[in-house]
Amino acid sequence: MKQIPLTAVLIFLIFLAGCDHKVTAPAVYKVRFETSKGSFIIEVYRDWAPNGADRFFELVQSGFYNDARFFRAVPNFVVQWGLNKDPKVTAEWSQKTIPDDPVKESNRIGYITFAKRGPDTRTTQVFINLTDNARLDGMGFAPFGKVISGMGVVANLYSGYGESPQQPLITAQGNEYLQSQFPQLDYIKTAQFEQ
């Protein structure tokens, strides 16, 4: 039996490490967010938006949201997060877009949806609707889950800065920018799967 050279094995393993392995989430799963304001739980339903549910699962699994700031909080509209504390991590994930999902559920109060800036541009940013935002449905924003506990915490996340934090600066500088310029922002301590 012929032996495979070690260099060939190493090249194959490096190739595998570089491949994007698609994560498939469970049909239904829960994520507990421990925040500076308290905790809330999101239940995700893969049949609502499979691409969104899979990506959210992958982000939580990787610890991406830990120590992330709720950088956009607009009363009677949305609270948004999803830029990593480390600009290098944000840059890496910004290249990993996912295809849009058809909108099966409306953007109701408490429903979570990926942010996007055009077709098939979703990456890591998500928002929770603070009111019924049905107008977002026709714009292709597909909810993939909802808050099942702690909506009072979500509604009371610090909103004094509104939309002032600049996303390009968050992307470039991470939490260093947010902590120096917007110190009162609430943040995620941990995001973990719950039974």
C-alpha atoms as a PDB file:
ATOM      1  CA  MET A   1       0.000   0.000   0.000  1.00  0.00           C
ATOM      2  CA  LYS A   2       1.391   3.349  -1.066  1.00  0.00           C
ATOM      3  CA  GLN A   3       1.856   5.937   1.674  1.00  0.00           C
ATOM      4  CA  ILE A   4       0.511   9.473   1.117  1.00  0.00           C
ATOM      5  CA  PRO A   5       3.245  12.079   1.572  1.00  0.00           C
ATOM      6  CA  LEU A   6       2.885  14.218   4.678  1.00  0.00           C
ATOM      7  CA  THR A   7       3.062  17.412   2.599  1.00  0.00           C
ATOM      8  CA  ALA A   8       0.022  16.288   0.562  1.00  0.00           C
ATOM      9  CA  VAL A   9      -1.927  15.668   3.762  1.00  0.00           C
ATOM     10  CA  LEU A  10      -0.955  19.081   5.135  1.00  0.00           C
ATOM     11  CA  ILE A  11      -1.965  20.836   1.905  1.00  0.00           C
ATOM     12  CA  PHE A  12      -5.329  19.052   1.982  1.00  0.00           C
ATOM     13  CA  LEU A  13      -5.914  20.061   5.618  1.00  0.00           C
ATOM     14  CA  ILE A  14      -5.010  23.689   4.863  1.00  0.00           C
ATOM     15  CA  PHE A  15      -7.432  23.587   1.919  1.00  0.00           C
ATOM     16  CA  LEU A  16     -10.202  22.260   4.170  1.00  0.00           C
ATOM     17  CA  ALA A  17      -9.527  24.940   6.789  1.00  0.00           C
ATOM     18  CA  GLY A  18      -9.932  27.625   4.140  1.00  0.00           C
ATOM     19  CA  CYS A  19     -13.261  26.316   2.887  1.00  0.00           C
ATOM     20  CA  ASP A  20     -16.458  27.852   4.167  1.00  0.00           C
ATOM     21  CA  HIS A  21     -18.408  25.038   5.773  1.00  0.00           C
ATOM     22  CA  LYS A  22     -22.071  25.952   5.868  1.00  0.00           C
ATOM     23  CA  VAL A  23     -23.570  25.611   9.324  1.00  0.00           C
ATOM     24  CA  THR A  24     -27.097  24.216   9.509  1.00  0.00           C
ATOM     25  CA  ALA A  25     -28.980  25.331  12.603  1.00  0.00           C
ATOM     26  CA  PRO A  26     -31.558  23.234  14.464  1.00  0.00           C
ATOM     27  CA  ALA A  27     -35.188  23.722  13.411  1.00  0.00           C
ATOM     28  CA  VAL A  28     -35.808  25.736  16.601  1.00  0.00           C
ATOM     29  CA  TYR A  29     -33.249  27.050  19.082  1.00  0.00           C
ATOM     30  CA  LYS A  30     -32.990  29.641  21.852  1.00  0.00           C
ATOM     31  CA  VAL A  31     -30.270  32.162  22.654  1.00  0.00           C
ATOM     32  CA  ARG A  32     -29.943  33.950  26.000  1.00  0.00           C
ATOM     33  CA  PHE A  33     -28.370  37.397  25.844  1.00  0.00           C
ATOM     34  CA  GLU A  34     -26.885  38.571  29.131  1.00  0.00           C
ATOM     35  CA  THR A  35     -26.559  42.337  28.810  1.00  0.00           C
ATOM     36  CA  SER A  36     -25.525  45.319  30.880  1.00  0.00           C
ATOM     37  CA  LYS A  37     -29.262  45.999  31.367  1.00  0.00           C
ATOM     38  CA  GLY A  38     -30.440  42.440  32.128  1.00  0.00           C
ATOM     39  CA  SER A  39     -31.207  39.345  30.065  1.00  0.00           C
ATOM     40  CA  PHE A  40     -33.495  38.468  27.193  1.00  0.00           C
ATOM     41  CA  ILE A  41     -34.103  35.267  25.241  1.00  0.00           C
ATOM     42  CA  ILE A  42     -34.615  34.931  21.495  1.00  0.00           C
ATOM     43  CA  GLU A  43     -36.235  31.858  19.964  1.00  0.00           C
ATOM     44  CA  VAL A  44     -35.214  31.204  16.355  1.00  0.00           C
ATOM     45  CA  TYR A  45     -37.321  29.300  13.801  1.00  0.00           C
ATOM     46  CA  ARG A  46     -35.318  28.015  10.857  1.00  0.00           C
ATOM     47  CA  ASP A  47     -38.403  27.603   8.657  1.00  0.00           C
ATOM     48  CA  TRP A  48     -39.036  31.373   8.838  1.00  0.00           C
ATOM     49  CA  ALA A  49     -35.674  32.259   7.242  1.00  0.00           C
ATOM     50  CA  PRO A  50     -33.175  29.379   6.928  1.00  0.00           C
ATOM     51  CA  ASN A  51     -30.171  31.428   5.770  1.00  0.00           C
ATOM     52  CA  GLY A  52     -30.671  33.962   8.561  1.00  0.00           C
ATOM     53  CA  ALA A  53     -31.234  31.281  11.203  1.00  0.00           C
ATOM     54  CA  ASP A  54     -28.109  29.406  10.120  1.00  0.00           C
ATOM     55  CA  ARG A  55     -25.926  32.536  10.135  1.00  0.00           C
ATOM     56  CA  PHE A  56     -27.211  33.663  13.548  1.00  0.00           C
ATOM     57  CA  PHE A  57     -26.480  30.181  14.937  1.00  0.00           C
ATOM     58  CA  GLU A  58     -22.937  30.346  13.523  1.00  0.00           C
ATOM     59  CA  LEU A  59     -22.335  33.821  14.999  1.00  0.00           C
ATOM     60  CA  VAL A  60     -23.567  32.840  18.462  1.00  0.00           C
ATOM     61  CA  GLN A  61     -21.570  29.605  18.340  1.00  0.00           C
ATOM     62  CA  SER A  62     -18.384  31.537  17.516  1.00  0.00           C
ATOM     63  CA  GLY A  63     -18.899  34.087  20.332  1.00  0.00           C
ATOM     64  CA  PHE A  64     -19.113  36.924  17.791  1.00  0.00           C
ATOM     65  CA  TYR A  65     -21.687  38.944  19.757  1.00  0.00           C
ATOM     66  CA  ASN A  66     -19.955  38.767  23.153  1.00  0.00           C
ATOM     67  CA  ASP A  67     -19.063  42.294  24.314  1.00  0.00           C
ATOM     68  CA  ALA A  68     -20.828  43.882  21.292  1.00  0.00           C
ATOM     69  CA  ARG A  69     -22.568  47.236  21.815  1.00  0.00           C
ATOM     70  CA  PHE A  70     -26.187  48.022  20.965  1.00  0.00           C
ATOM     71  CA  PHE A  71     -24.972  50.883  18.777  1.00  0.00           C
ATOM     72  CA  ARG A  72     -28.298  51.906  17.244  1.00  0.00           C
ATOM     73  CA  ALA A  73     -31.337  52.287  19.489  1.00  0.00           C
ATOM     74  CA  VAL A  74     -34.227  54.290  18.082  1.00  0.00           C
ATOM     75  CA  PRO A  75     -37.360  54.353  20.283  1.00  0.00           C
ATOM     76  CA  ASN A  76     -40.493  53.096  18.523  1.00  0.00           C
ATOM     77  CA  PHE A  77     -38.370  51.647  15.723  1.00  0.00           C
ATOM     78  CA  VAL A  78     -35.447  49.240  16.312  1.00  0.00           C
ATOM     79  CA  VAL A  79     -32.447  48.347  18.459  1.00  0.00           C
ATOM     80  CA  GLN A  80     -29.470  47.119  16.414  1.00  0.00           C
ATOM     81  CA  TRP A  81     -26.122  45.414  17.028  1.00  0.00           C
ATOM     82  CA  GLY A  82     -23.709  43.102  15.272  1.00  0.00           C
ATOM     83  CA  LEU A  83     -20.347  44.768  14.809  1.00  0.00           C
ATOM     84  CA  ASN A  84     -17.632  42.930  16.717  1.00  0.00           C
ATOM     85  CA  LYS A  85     -15.552  44.582  19.440  1.00  0.00           C
ATOM     86  CA  ASP A  86     -12.468  43.781  17.325  1.00  0.00           C
ATOM     87  CA  PRO A  87     -12.259  45.529  13.912  1.00  0.00           C
ATOM     88  CA  LYS A  88     -10.264  42.600  12.469  1.00  0.00           C
ATOM     89  CA  VAL A  89     -13.092  40.183  13.252  1.00  0.00           C
ATOM     90  CA  THR A  90     -15.697  42.551  11.805  1.00  0.00           C
ATOM     91  CA  ALA A  91     -13.609  42.896   8.618  1.00  0.00           C
ATOM     92  CA  GLU A  92     -13.326  39.123   8.245  1.00  0.00           C
ATOM     93  CA  TRP A  93     -17.081  38.572   8.603  1.00  0.00           C
ATOM     94  CA  SER A  94     -17.996  41.517   6.364  1.00  0.00           C
ATOM     95  CA  GLN A  95     -16.927  39.420   3.370  1.00  0.00           C
ATOM     96  CA  LYS A  96     -19.215  36.510   4.305  1.00  0.00           C
ATOM     97  CA  THR A  97     -22.572  37.614   2.913  1.00  0.00           C
ATOM     98  CA  ILE A  98     -25.584  35.327   2.887  1.00  0.00           C
ATOM     99  CA  PRO A  99     -28.422  35.183   0.346  1.00  0.00           C
ATOM    100  CA  ASP A 100     -31.715  36.829   1.193  1.00  0.00           C
ATOM    101  CA  ASP A 101     -34.578  34.743   2.553  1.00  0.00           C
ATOM    102  CA  PRO A 102     -38.155  35.286   1.384  1.00  0.00           C
ATOM    103  CA  VAL A 103     -40.163  37.269   3.948  1.00  0.00           C
ATOM    104  CA  LYS A 104     -42.533  34.775   5.587  1.00  0.00           C
ATOM    105  CA  GLU A 105     -43.219  36.648   8.842  1.00  0.00           C
ATOM    106  CA  SER A 106     -43.929  40.328   9.380  1.00  0.00           C
ATOM    107  CA  ASN A 107     -41.558  42.631  11.288  1.00  0.00           C
ATOM    108  CA  ARG A 108     -43.668  42.696  14.443  1.00  0.00           C
ATOM    109  CA  ILE A 109     -42.627  44.068  17.801  1.00  0.00           C
ATOM    110  CA  GLY A 110     -40.026  41.745  19.349  1.00  0.00           C
ATOM    111  CA  TYR A 111     -39.116  40.039  16.064  1.00  0.00           C
ATOM    112  CA  ILE A 112     -35.419  39.824  15.107  1.00  0.00           C
ATOM    113  CA  THR A 113     -34.174  40.425  11.565  1.00  0.00           C
ATOM    114  CA  PHE A 114     -30.837  40.803   9.792  1.00  0.00           C
ATOM    115  CA  ALA A 115     -29.926  44.298   8.639  1.00  0.00           C
ATOM    116  CA  LYS A 116     -28.877  44.711   5.022  1.00  0.00           C
ATOM    117  CA  ARG A 117     -27.981  47.436   2.545  1.00  0.00           C
ATOM    118  CA  GLY A 118     -29.281  45.786  -0.635  1.00  0.00           C
ATOM    119  CA  PRO A 119     -29.968  42.337  -2.099  1.00  0.00           C
ATOM    120  CA  ASP A 120     -27.898  39.494  -0.638  1.00  0.00           C
ATOM    121  CA  THR A 121     -25.766  41.727   1.632  1.00  0.00           C
ATOM    122  CA  ARG A 122     -26.604  40.305   5.075  1.00  0.00           C
ATOM    123  CA  THR A 123     -23.575  39.517   7.246  1.00  0.00           C
ATOM    124  CA  THR A 124     -23.630  39.984  11.047  1.00  0.00           C
ATOM    125  CA  GLN A 125     -25.851  42.939  11.982  1.00  0.00           C
ATOM    126  CA  VAL A 126     -29.295  42.249  13.403  1.00  0.00           C
ATOM    127  CA  PHE A 127     -32.091  44.304  14.886  1.00  0.00           C
ATOM    128  CA  ILE A 128     -35.109  43.747  17.091  1.00  0.00           C
ATOM    129  CA  ASN A 129     -38.259  45.623  16.169  1.00  0.00           C
ATOM    130  CA  LEU A 130     -39.445  47.892  18.978  1.00  0.00           C
ATOM    131  CA  THR A 131     -42.806  48.375  17.260  1.00  0.00           C
ATOM    132  CA  ASP A 132     -44.682  46.763  14.380  1.00  0.00           C
ATOM    133  CA  ASN A 133     -42.606  47.665  11.312  1.00  0.00           C
ATOM    134  CA  ALA A 134     -44.622  45.976   8.560  1.00  0.00           C
ATOM    135  CA  ARG A 135     -43.249  48.482   6.022  1.00  0.00           C
ATOM    136  CA  LEU A 136     -39.898  46.642   6.282  1.00  0.00           C
ATOM    137  CA  ASP A 137     -41.507  43.449   4.947  1.00  0.00           C
ATOM    138  CA  GLY A 138     -41.794  44.825   1.413  1.00  0.00           C
ATOM    139  CA  MET A 139     -38.134  45.898   1.569  1.00  0.00           C
ATOM    140  CA  GLY A 140     -37.032  42.258   2.008  1.00  0.00           C
ATOM    141  CA  PHE A 141     -36.228  42.240   5.734  1.00  0.00           C
ATOM    142  CA  ALA A 142     -37.019  38.659   6.784  1.00  0.00           C
ATOM    143  CA  PRO A 143     -37.495  37.967  10.520  1.00  0.00           C
ATOM    144  CA  PHE A 144     -35.957  34.689  11.694  1.00  0.00           C
ATOM    145  CA  GLY A 145     -37.029  34.666  15.361  1.00  0.00           C
ATOM    146  CA  LYS A 146     -38.563  36.589  18.225  1.00  0.00           C
ATOM    147  CA  VAL A 147     -37.955  37.669  21.795  1.00  0.00           C
ATOM    148  CA  ILE A 148     -39.787  35.227  24.071  1.00  0.00           C
ATOM    149  CA  SER A 149     -38.545  36.633  27.383  1.00  0.00           C
ATOM    150  CA  GLY A 150     -37.138  39.983  28.487  1.00  0.00           C
ATOM    151  CA  MET A 151     -38.700  42.335  25.951  1.00  0.00           C
ATOM    152  CA  GLY A 152     -38.762  44.967  28.708  1.00  0.00           C
ATOM    153  CA  VAL A 153     -34.958  44.773  28.823  1.00  0.00           C
ATOM    154  CA  VAL A 154     -34.744  45.212  25.041  1.00  0.00           C
ATOM    155  CA  ALA A 155     -37.126  48.182  25.104  1.00  0.00           C
ATOM    156  CA  ASN A 156     -35.045  49.884  27.823  1.00  0.00           C
ATOM    157  CA  LEU A 157     -31.593  49.553  26.241  1.00  0.00           C
ATOM    158  CA  TYR A 158     -29.897  52.953  26.242  1.00  0.00           C
ATOM    159  CA  SER A 159     -31.252  55.042  23.361  1.00  0.00           C
ATOM    160  CA  GLY A 160     -29.856  58.500  24.192  1.00  0.00           C
ATOM    161  CA  TYR A 161     -27.429  58.438  21.260  1.00  0.00           C
ATOM    162  CA  GLY A 162     -30.052  57.406  18.684  1.00  0.00           C
ATOM    163  CA  GLU A 163     -28.268  56.868  15.377  1.00  0.00           C
ATOM    164  CA  SER A 164     -25.195  58.974  16.251  1.00  0.00           C
ATOM    165  CA  PRO A 165     -22.540  56.211  16.395  1.00  0.00           C
ATOM    166  CA  GLN A 166     -21.033  56.055  12.904  1.00  0.00           C
ATOM    167  CA  GLN A 167     -20.900  52.528  11.500  1.00  0.00           C
ATOM    168  CA  PRO A 168     -17.724  53.125   9.437  1.00  0.00           C
ATOM    169  CA  LEU A 169     -15.928  54.208  12.625  1.00  0.00           C
ATOM    170  CA  ILE A 170     -17.291  51.234  14.583  1.00  0.00           C
ATOM    171  CA  THR A 171     -16.100  48.962  11.768  1.00  0.00           C
ATOM    172  CA  ALA A 172     -12.641  50.582  11.741  1.00  0.00           C
ATOM    173  CA  GLN A 173     -12.093  50.993  15.505  1.00  0.00           C
ATOM    174  CA  GLY A 174     -14.504  48.606  17.243  1.00  0.00           C
ATOM    175  CA  ASN A 175     -15.320  49.079  20.916  1.00  0.00           C
ATOM    176  CA  GLU A 176     -12.439  51.517  21.372  1.00  0.00           C
ATOM    177  CA  TYR A 177     -14.425  54.133  19.415  1.00  0.00           C
ATOM    178  CA  LEU A 178     -17.750  53.306  21.075  1.00  0.00           C
ATOM    179  CA  GLN A 179     -16.398  53.279  24.633  1.00  0.00           C
ATOM    180  CA  SER A 180     -14.620  56.618  24.194  1.00  0.00           C
ATOM    181  CA  GLN A 181     -17.382  58.464  22.334  1.00  0.00           C
ATOM    182  CA  PHE A 182     -20.564  56.710  23.521  1.00  0.00           C
ATOM    183  CA  PRO A 183     -19.802  55.360  26.998  1.00  0.00           C
ATOM    184  CA  GLN A 184     -23.432  54.884  28.036  1.00  0.00           C
ATOM    185  CA  LEU A 185     -24.261  52.314  25.351  1.00  0.00           C
ATOM    186  CA  ASP A 186     -25.589  49.058  26.716  1.00  0.00           C
ATOM    187  CA  TYR A 187     -23.758  45.930  25.618  1.00  0.00           C
ATOM    188  CA  ILE A 188     -23.921  42.156  25.429  1.00  0.00           C
ATOM    189  CA  LYS A 189     -21.929  40.347  28.103  1.00  0.00           C
ATOM    190  CA  THR A 190     -22.583  36.911  26.600  1.00  0.00           C
ATOM    191  CA  ALA A 191     -24.843  35.301  24.011  1.00  0.00           C
ATOM    192  CA  GLN A 192     -25.274  31.564  24.642  1.00  0.00           C
ATOM    193  CA  PHE A 193     -27.546  28.772  23.511  1.00  0.00           C
ATOM    194  CA  GLU A 194     -30.211  27.766  25.967  1.00  0.00           C
ATOM    195  CA  GLN A 195     -32.002  24.442  26.367  1.00  0.00           C
END
